[in-house]
Protein backbone atom coordinates (compact mmCIF):
# COMPACT_ATOMS: atom_id res chain seq x y z
CA UNK A 1 139.67 89.09 110.29
CA UNK A 2 138.84 87.15 113.28
CA UNK A 3 141.67 84.48 114.47
CA UNK A 4 139.47 80.93 115.22
CA UNK A 5 140.74 78.11 117.02
CA UNK A 6 140.48 74.40 115.64
CA UNK A 7 141.61 71.24 116.89
CA UNK A 8 142.22 68.43 114.48
CA UNK A 9 142.45 64.99 115.38
CA UNK A 10 143.95 61.97 113.24
CA UNK A 11 145.02 58.85 113.65
CA UNK A 12 147.90 57.25 112.66
CA UNK A 13 148.54 53.65 111.74
CA UNK A 14 150.05 51.42 114.03
CA UNK A 15 152.21 49.72 111.71
CA UNK A 16 154.66 53.09 111.24
CA UNK A 17 157.88 53.16 113.40
CA UNK A 18 159.05 55.93 115.61
CA UNK A 19 160.88 58.23 112.70
CA UNK A 20 158.58 57.34 110.09
CA UNK A 21 155.27 58.67 112.92
CA UNK A 22 158.05 62.03 113.98
CA UNK A 23 158.38 62.61 110.13
CA UNK A 24 154.45 62.51 108.88
CA UNK A 25 153.33 64.19 112.39
CA UNK A 26 156.57 67.09 111.73
CA UNK A 27 155.17 67.59 107.85
CA UNK A 28 151.77 67.36 108.62
CA UNK A 29 152.53 70.46 111.30
CA UNK A 30 154.54 72.26 108.63
CA UNK A 31 151.66 72.05 106.38
CA UNK A 32 149.63 73.63 108.71
CA UNK A 33 152.01 76.37 110.00
CA UNK A 34 152.97 77.16 105.90
CA UNK A 35 149.30 77.37 105.04
CA UNK A 36 148.78 80.38 107.31
CA UNK A 37 148.31 78.97 111.01
CA UNK A 38 149.48 78.87 113.70
CA UNK A 39 150.28 75.55 115.62
CA UNK A 40 149.58 75.81 119.45
CA UNK A 41 149.80 72.36 120.45
CA UNK A 42 150.66 69.10 118.64
CA UNK A 43 150.92 65.72 120.61
CA UNK A 44 150.08 62.21 120.76
CA UNK A 45 147.04 61.18 122.74
CA UNK A 46 147.41 57.75 123.00
CA UNK A 47 147.48 54.24 121.27
CA UNK A 48 143.88 53.00 121.38
CA UNK A 49 141.73 49.69 119.73
CA UNK A 50 138.87 51.00 117.29
CA UNK A 51 135.42 49.78 118.13
CA UNK A 52 136.00 48.46 113.89
CA UNK A 53 138.28 47.63 112.03
CA UNK A 54 139.69 50.76 109.61
CA UNK A 55 141.58 49.30 106.43
CA UNK A 56 142.35 45.90 108.39
CA UNK A 57 143.88 47.92 111.51
CA UNK A 58 142.24 47.02 114.80
CA UNK A 59 144.24 49.97 116.86
CA UNK A 60 146.13 53.39 116.02
CA UNK A 61 147.75 56.44 117.43
CA UNK A 62 145.74 59.20 118.10
CA UNK A 63 146.86 62.48 117.67
CA UNK A 64 146.20 66.04 118.86
CA UNK A 65 146.72 69.10 117.19
CA UNK A 66 145.50 72.39 118.43
CA UNK A 67 145.93 75.68 115.49
CA UNK A 68 144.56 79.43 115.47
CA UNK A 69 144.09 80.15 112.10
CA UNK A 70 142.47 83.76 110.39
CA UNK A 71 140.89 81.53 107.04
CA UNK A 72 140.39 78.13 105.73
CA UNK A 73 143.52 77.78 103.62
CA UNK A 74 145.68 75.73 106.07
CA UNK A 75 142.50 73.77 107.46
CA UNK A 76 141.54 72.90 103.51
CA UNK A 77 145.51 71.61 102.51
CA UNK A 78 145.67 69.64 105.72
CA UNK A 79 142.09 67.92 104.63
CA UNK A 80 143.22 67.47 101.35
CA UNK A 81 146.67 66.08 101.86
CA UNK A 82 145.56 63.73 104.68
CA UNK A 83 142.97 62.47 102.82
CA UNK A 84 145.74 60.74 100.16
CA UNK A 85 148.42 60.32 102.59
CA UNK A 86 148.43 56.24 103.65
CA UNK A 87 150.08 57.04 106.98
CA UNK A 88 146.17 58.78 108.21
CA UNK A 89 143.54 56.51 108.68
CA UNK A 90 141.06 58.81 109.87
CA UNK A 91 141.03 62.75 110.98
CA UNK A 92 138.48 64.96 111.71
CA UNK A 93 139.06 69.27 112.36
CA UNK A 94 136.58 70.92 115.13
CA UNK A 95 136.19 74.66 115.40
CA UNK A 96 136.22 75.46 118.69
């Protein structure tokens, strides 16, 4: 099967302290790698103001993860868990 490249961008709540934020990022990177994806790069992009409030927050920290995967298993699991996690306000998965 062919390896595909994906970019995952998610917004972390601004009220999380640095330790909680690093734990959240490490857990989601581990979820991806445990389900067959290879994490190429995982880094904070910037803390930005939103155009409109999201869950009563006006800013958030954008985090970008570049991965390679042969199937959608890791992406589906990431999507499922990101939807129910309180630390992530929004997320987006893009095939590159």
